[in-house]
N, C-alpha and C. Protein backbone atom coordinates (compact mmCIF):
# COMPACT_ATOMS: atom_id res chain seq x y z
N MET A 1 0.46 -0.88 0.29
CA MET A 1 -0.08 -0.13 -0.51
C MET A 1 0.76 1.37 0.16
N SER A 2 0.96 2.17 -0.49
CA SER A 2 1.31 2.96 -0.83
C SER A 2 0.71 4.42 -0.15
N THR A 3 1.79 5.05 0.38
CA THR A 3 0.94 6.69 1.15
C THR A 3 0.16 7.32 0.36
N PRO A 4 -0.98 7.17 0.42
CA PRO A 4 -1.49 8.82 0.23
C PRO A 4 -0.68 10.00 -0.32
N ALA A 5 -1.08 10.79 -0.87
CA ALA A 5 -0.33 12.60 -1.25
C ALA A 5 -1.29 13.20 -0.19
N GLY A 6 -0.70 14.29 -0.02
CA GLY A 6 -0.93 14.97 1.72
C GLY A 6 -0.20 13.81 3.19
N PHE A 7 0.22 12.72 2.97
CA PHE A 7 0.27 12.56 4.33
C PHE A 7 1.38 13.09 4.40
N ASP A 8 1.69 13.50 5.65
CA ASP A 8 2.95 14.76 5.82
C ASP A 8 3.48 14.11 7.20
N GLU A 9 4.88 13.61 7.41
CA GLU A 9 5.66 12.60 8.03
C GLU A 9 6.03 14.09 9.42
N LEU A 10 5.83 15.04 8.90
CA LEU A 10 6.54 16.24 10.49
C LEU A 10 5.65 16.61 11.16
N ILE A 11 4.06 17.00 10.87
CA ILE A 11 2.75 16.41 11.41
C ILE A 11 2.25 14.95 12.07
N HIS A 12 2.96 13.87 11.80
CA HIS A 12 1.40 12.77 11.96
C HIS A 12 1.64 12.24 13.37
N PRO A 13 3.37 12.54 14.15
CA PRO A 13 3.98 12.04 15.53
C PRO A 13 2.27 12.99 16.46
N ALA A 14 2.09 12.23 17.03
CA ALA A 14 0.85 12.05 18.02
C ALA A 14 0.96 14.57 18.79
N THR A 15 1.90 14.53 19.26
CA THR A 15 2.62 15.33 19.84
C THR A 15 1.67 16.30 18.96
N ARG A 16 2.42 16.15 17.94
CA ARG A 16 3.10 17.51 16.86
C ARG A 16 1.08 17.97 16.59
N LEU A 17 0.77 16.07 16.14
CA LEU A 17 -0.50 16.22 15.62
C LEU A 17 -1.64 16.47 16.40
N SER A 18 -1.79 16.55 17.35
CA SER A 18 -2.60 17.30 17.99
C SER A 18 -2.21 18.93 18.72
N VAL A 19 -1.19 19.09 18.85
CA VAL A 19 -0.06 20.77 18.53
C VAL A 19 -1.24 21.45 17.00
N VAL A 20 -1.00 20.89 16.08
CA VAL A 20 -1.62 21.52 14.90
C VAL A 20 -3.46 21.25 14.13
N ALA A 21 -3.62 20.59 15.21
CA ALA A 21 -5.17 20.16 15.32
C ALA A 21 -6.02 21.01 16.42
N LEU A 22 -5.09 21.64 17.36
CA LEU A 22 -5.70 22.81 18.56
C LEU A 22 -5.15 23.60 17.54
N LEU A 23 -4.35 24.19 16.85
CA LEU A 23 -3.92 25.14 16.14
C LEU A 23 -5.13 25.77 15.33
N ALA A 24 -5.27 24.52 14.32
CA ALA A 24 -6.37 25.46 13.48
C ALA A 24 -7.65 25.65 13.74
N ALA A 25 -7.80 25.45 14.54
CA ALA A 25 -9.28 25.88 14.98
C ALA A 25 -9.44 27.02 15.60
N THR A 26 -8.14 27.52 15.76
CA THR A 26 -8.25 29.22 16.13
C THR A 26 -7.39 30.12 15.32
N GLU A 27 -6.98 31.62 15.77
CA GLU A 27 -6.49 31.89 15.18
C GLU A 27 -4.64 32.10 15.98
N TRP A 28 -5.09 32.69 17.04
CA TRP A 28 -4.00 32.70 17.74
C TRP A 28 -3.88 31.92 18.65
N ALA A 29 -3.40 31.23 19.53
CA ALA A 29 -3.13 30.86 20.80
C ALA A 29 -2.18 31.00 21.91
N ASP A 30 -2.01 31.06 22.69
CA ASP A 30 -1.18 31.20 23.75
C ASP A 30 -0.59 30.37 23.93
N PHE A 31 1.23 30.00 24.59
CA PHE A 31 2.21 29.09 25.01
C PHE A 31 1.63 28.50 25.98
N ALA A 32 0.64 29.21 26.72
CA ALA A 32 0.00 28.81 27.96
C ALA A 32 -0.70 27.56 27.63
N PHE A 33 -2.05 28.19 27.05
CA PHE A 33 -3.03 27.55 26.43
C PHE A 33 -2.62 25.98 25.81
N VAL A 34 -2.11 26.44 25.41
CA VAL A 34 -1.40 25.40 24.14
C VAL A 34 -0.93 23.49 25.10
N ARG A 35 -0.04 24.93 26.02
CA ARG A 35 0.64 23.77 26.94
C ARG A 35 -0.83 22.97 27.84
N ASP A 36 -1.15 23.42 28.54
CA ASP A 36 -2.28 22.82 29.93
C ASP A 36 -3.65 22.57 28.92
N SER A 37 -3.91 22.48 27.10
CA SER A 37 -4.61 21.40 26.68
C SER A 37 -4.22 19.96 26.53
N LEU A 38 -2.83 20.26 26.40
CA LEU A 38 -2.53 18.89 25.74
C LEU A 38 -1.31 18.56 26.63
N SER A 39 -1.64 19.17 27.53
CA SER A 39 -1.32 18.50 29.38
C SER A 39 0.30 18.11 28.84
N LEU A 40 1.04 18.94 28.51
CA LEU A 40 2.43 18.68 28.16
C LEU A 40 3.01 19.57 28.49
N SER A 41 4.32 19.60 28.96
CA SER A 41 5.66 20.43 29.71
C SER A 41 5.85 21.57 28.86
N ASP A 42 6.84 22.41 29.57
CA ASP A 42 6.99 23.48 29.04
C ASP A 42 7.80 23.30 27.68
N SER A 43 8.98 22.57 28.08
CA SER A 43 9.84 21.99 27.59
C SER A 43 9.52 21.05 26.08
N ALA A 44 9.01 20.22 26.01
CA ALA A 44 7.79 19.11 25.06
C ALA A 44 7.55 20.37 24.04
N LEU A 45 6.36 21.20 24.96
CA LEU A 45 5.92 21.66 24.25
C LEU A 45 6.96 22.85 23.14
N SER A 46 7.35 23.70 23.68
CA SER A 46 8.96 23.86 22.57
C SER A 46 9.51 22.99 22.32
N LYS A 47 10.11 22.24 22.30
CA LYS A 47 10.72 21.43 21.08
C LYS A 47 9.38 21.18 19.63
N GLN A 48 7.90 20.45 20.08
CA GLN A 48 7.52 20.91 18.96
C GLN A 48 7.10 21.93 17.71
N LEU A 49 7.31 22.96 18.45
CA LEU A 49 6.67 24.52 18.64
C LEU A 49 8.03 25.02 17.27
N HIS A 50 9.10 24.34 17.99
CA HIS A 50 10.37 24.97 17.37
C HIS A 50 10.63 24.00 16.04
N THR A 51 10.04 22.73 15.67
CA THR A 51 10.43 21.54 14.94
C THR A 51 9.57 22.24 13.94
N LEU A 52 7.70 22.47 14.46
CA LEU A 52 6.47 22.83 12.64
C LEU A 52 6.96 24.60 12.54
N GLU A 53 8.03 25.08 13.97
CA GLU A 53 8.29 26.35 13.32
C GLU A 53 10.05 26.61 11.82
N GLU A 54 10.19 25.54 12.13
CA GLU A 54 11.65 25.25 11.02
C GLU A 54 11.25 25.05 10.06
N ALA A 55 10.08 24.18 9.94
CA ALA A 55 9.55 23.94 8.76
C ALA A 55 8.38 24.91 8.12
N GLY A 56 8.72 26.13 8.75
CA GLY A 56 7.33 27.12 7.93
C GLY A 56 5.80 26.70 8.43
N TYR A 57 5.14 26.23 9.97
CA TYR A 57 4.01 25.36 9.76
C TYR A 57 3.74 26.50 11.00
N LEU A 58 4.12 26.84 11.44
CA LEU A 58 3.46 28.30 12.53
C LEU A 58 4.30 29.54 12.70
N GLU A 59 3.82 30.43 13.14
CA GLU A 59 4.68 31.35 13.70
C GLU A 59 4.48 31.71 15.34
N LEU A 60 5.51 32.30 15.69
CA LEU A 60 5.85 32.61 17.06
C LEU A 60 5.72 33.67 17.15
N ARG A 61 4.86 34.40 18.09
CA ARG A 61 5.41 35.99 18.25
C ARG A 61 5.27 36.43 19.93
N LYS A 62 6.00 36.51 20.31
CA LYS A 62 6.60 37.26 21.72
C LYS A 62 5.76 38.31 22.00
N GLU A 63 4.76 38.53 22.94
CA GLU A 63 3.99 40.03 23.38
C GLU A 63 4.78 39.81 24.83
N GLY A 64 4.38 41.68 24.89
CA GLY A 64 4.87 42.26 26.31
C GLY A 64 6.25 42.16 26.76
N GLY A 65 6.40 41.92 27.74
CA GLY A 65 7.96 42.06 28.91
C GLY A 65 7.86 42.23 29.72
N GLY A 66 8.93 41.45 31.45
CA GLY A 66 9.01 42.02 31.98
C GLY A 66 7.87 40.00 32.39
N ARG A 67 7.40 40.01 33.44
CA ARG A 67 6.80 38.94 34.38
C ARG A 67 5.49 38.94 32.99
N LYS A 68 5.45 40.13 32.47
CA LYS A 68 4.08 39.83 31.35
C LYS A 68 4.06 39.46 29.94
N ARG A 69 5.60 38.68 29.40
CA ARG A 69 5.31 38.50 28.66
C ARG A 69 4.87 37.10 28.57
N ARG A 70 4.71 36.72 26.94
CA ARG A 70 4.01 35.68 26.87
C ARG A 70 4.17 35.31 25.41
N THR A 71 3.84 34.24 24.78
CA THR A 71 4.39 33.99 23.63
C THR A 71 2.96 33.27 22.78
N ARG A 72 2.78 33.90 22.02
CA ARG A 72 1.49 33.86 21.20
C ARG A 72 1.89 32.46 19.68
N VAL A 73 0.50 31.88 19.69
CA VAL A 73 1.66 31.33 18.56
C VAL A 73 0.17 30.83 17.17
N ARG A 74 0.72 30.65 15.94
CA ARG A 74 -0.35 30.13 15.27
C ARG A 74 0.21 29.44 13.71
N LEU A 75 -1.30 29.23 13.35
CA LEU A 75 -1.10 28.03 11.84
C LEU A 75 -0.34 29.37 10.29
N THR A 76 0.35 29.18 10.52
CA THR A 76 0.55 29.73 8.83
C THR A 76 -0.60 29.15 7.68
N ASP A 77 0.15 29.91 6.52
CA ASP A 77 -0.94 29.10 5.01
C ASP A 77 -0.78 28.04 5.37
N ARG A 78 0.89 27.71 5.43
CA ARG A 78 1.28 26.88 4.37
C ARG A 78 1.04 25.80 5.52
N GLY A 79 1.49 25.61 7.01
CA GLY A 79 1.10 24.91 8.53
C GLY A 79 -0.39 24.34 8.43
N ARG A 80 -1.55 25.33 8.23
CA ARG A 80 -3.17 25.34 7.62
C ARG A 80 -3.12 23.87 6.37
N ALA A 81 -2.36 23.98 5.18
CA ALA A 81 -2.73 23.61 4.01
C ALA A 81 -1.51 21.90 4.17
N ALA A 82 -0.81 22.09 5.31
CA ALA A 82 0.31 20.78 5.16
C ALA A 82 -0.67 19.84 6.88
N PHE A 83 -1.43 20.40 7.46
CA PHE A 83 -2.46 19.78 8.51
C PHE A 83 -4.36 19.44 7.64
N GLU A 84 -4.47 20.29 7.13
CA GLU A 84 -5.89 19.73 5.95
C GLU A 84 -5.05 18.24 4.81
N GLY A 85 -4.54 18.56 4.07
CA GLY A 85 -3.40 17.45 3.25
C GLY A 85 -3.79 16.32 4.74
N HIS A 86 -3.02 15.75 5.25
CA HIS A 86 -2.57 15.55 6.46
C HIS A 86 -4.01 14.42 6.53
N VAL A 87 -4.68 15.66 6.84
CA VAL A 87 -6.51 15.02 7.15
C VAL A 87 -7.09 13.84 6.26
N ALA A 88 -6.75 15.00 5.27
CA ALA A 88 -7.83 13.85 3.58
C ALA A 88 -6.91 12.79 3.22
N ALA A 89 -5.41 12.99 3.91
CA ALA A 89 -4.08 11.68 3.00
C ALA A 89 -5.22 10.14 4.60
N LEU A 90 -4.93 10.56 5.95
CA LEU A 90 -5.58 9.96 6.87
C LEU A 90 -6.60 8.94 7.08
N ARG A 91 -7.81 10.03 6.08
CA ARG A 91 -9.29 9.70 6.13
C ARG A 91 -9.34 8.36 5.24
N ALA A 92 -8.48 9.36 3.57
CA ALA A 92 -8.12 8.17 2.43
C ALA A 92 -7.79 6.77 3.08
N ILE A 93 -6.91 6.84 4.29
CA ILE A 93 -6.45 5.08 4.88
C ILE A 93 -7.61 4.45 5.14
N VAL A 94 -7.85 5.13 6.30
CA VAL A 94 -9.33 4.84 6.72
C VAL A 94 -10.19 3.99 6.12
N ASP A 95 -10.51 5.23 5.14
CA ASP A 95 -11.99 5.00 4.04
C ASP A 95 -11.36 3.44 3.52
N GLY A 96 -10.13 3.55 2.76
CA GLY A 96 -9.23 2.64 2.24
C GLY A 96 -10.08 0.70 2.45
N ALA A 97 -9.45 1.23 4.03
CA ALA A 97 -9.54 -0.23 4.90
C ALA A 97 -10.36 -1.42 4.83
N GLY A 98 -11.62 -0.37 4.92
CA GLY A 98 -13.04 -0.92 4.79
C GLY A 98 -13.16 -1.46 6.44
N GLY A 99 -14.52 -1.83 6.38
CA GLY A 99 -15.08 -2.74 7.23
C GLY A 99 -13.93 -4.24 7.61
N PRO A 100 -14.84 -4.12 8.18
CA PRO A 100 -14.27 -5.77 9.08
C PRO A 100 -14.64 -7.11 8.33
N ALA A 101 -14.18 -7.36 8.17
CA ALA A 101 -14.95 -8.93 7.55
C ALA A 101 -15.86 -9.73 8.61
N SER A 102 -15.08 -10.24 9.62
CA SER A 102 -15.67 -10.18 11.11
C SER A 102 -15.79 -9.55 12.07
N PRO A 103 -16.49 -9.94 13.35
CA PRO A 103 -15.66 -9.26 14.93
C PRO A 103 -14.58 -9.43 15.00
N ALA A 104 -13.84 -9.01 15.71
CA ALA A 104 -12.53 -8.67 15.67
C ALA A 104 -12.21 -9.77 17.61
N PRO A 105 -11.97 -10.95 17.31
CA PRO A 105 -11.59 -11.84 19.03
C PRO A 105 -12.46 -11.02 20.27
N ALA A 106 -12.29 -9.87 20.74
CA ALA A 106 -12.37 -9.64 21.57
C ALA A 106 -13.90 -8.87 22.02
N ASP A 107 -14.45 -8.82 20.55
CA ASP A 107 -15.87 -8.68 20.50
C ASP A 107 -17.22 -9.57 20.34
N ARG A 108 -16.34 -11.09 20.13
CA ARG A 108 -16.37 -12.49 19.93
C ARG A 108 -17.57 -12.64 21.53
N PRO A 109 -18.69 -13.24 21.79
CA PRO A 109 -18.49 -13.44 22.93
C PRO A 109 -18.12 -14.96 23.71
N LEU A 110 -17.64 -15.20 24.47
CA LEU A 110 -16.77 -16.32 25.13
C LEU A 110 -17.92 -17.18 25.62
N PRO A 111 -17.41 -18.81 25.15
CA PRO A 111 -17.98 -20.07 24.57
C PRO A 111 -18.83 -20.28 26.57
N THR A 112 -19.68 -20.05 26.08
CA THR A 112 -20.27 -20.97 27.91
C THR A 112 -20.01 -22.87 28.38
N LYS A 113 -19.92 -22.55 29.41
CA LYS A 113 -19.30 -24.48 29.79
C LYS A 113 -19.89 -25.11 28.48
N ALA A 114 -20.90 -25.08 29.13
CA ALA A 114 -22.24 -25.92 28.24
C ALA A 114 -22.06 -25.83 26.72
N ALA A 115 -21.80 -25.05 26.29
CA ALA A 115 -21.24 -24.91 24.64
C ALA A 115 -19.56 -25.50 24.81
N ARG A 116 -18.64 -26.02 25.76
CA ARG A 116 -17.63 -26.71 25.60
C ARG A 116 -17.44 -28.44 25.41
């Protein structure tokens, strides 16, 4: 099976996909909001944001100064297009898999003692 067009290896890891999905739903988001929403540490989120920023998928903006300084983040047009393409590719993979031919073993009832 070949990888569908639009599948993005950079976005695909679960943490990055969660970050991009969250940002796709808004124009700008505060670093703290993203961190808390995804239950990530500051360092884990910073690492993911840096990777996505280097790819041109998001923009970081630092505002204010001193104790009031905050970081805001948003998807770029390129990042939004990459996310939408990746979601379409994932849908194509899922749709191409079809439904199960029979229930998975965990879904089948266990035989009773009388049936054994």
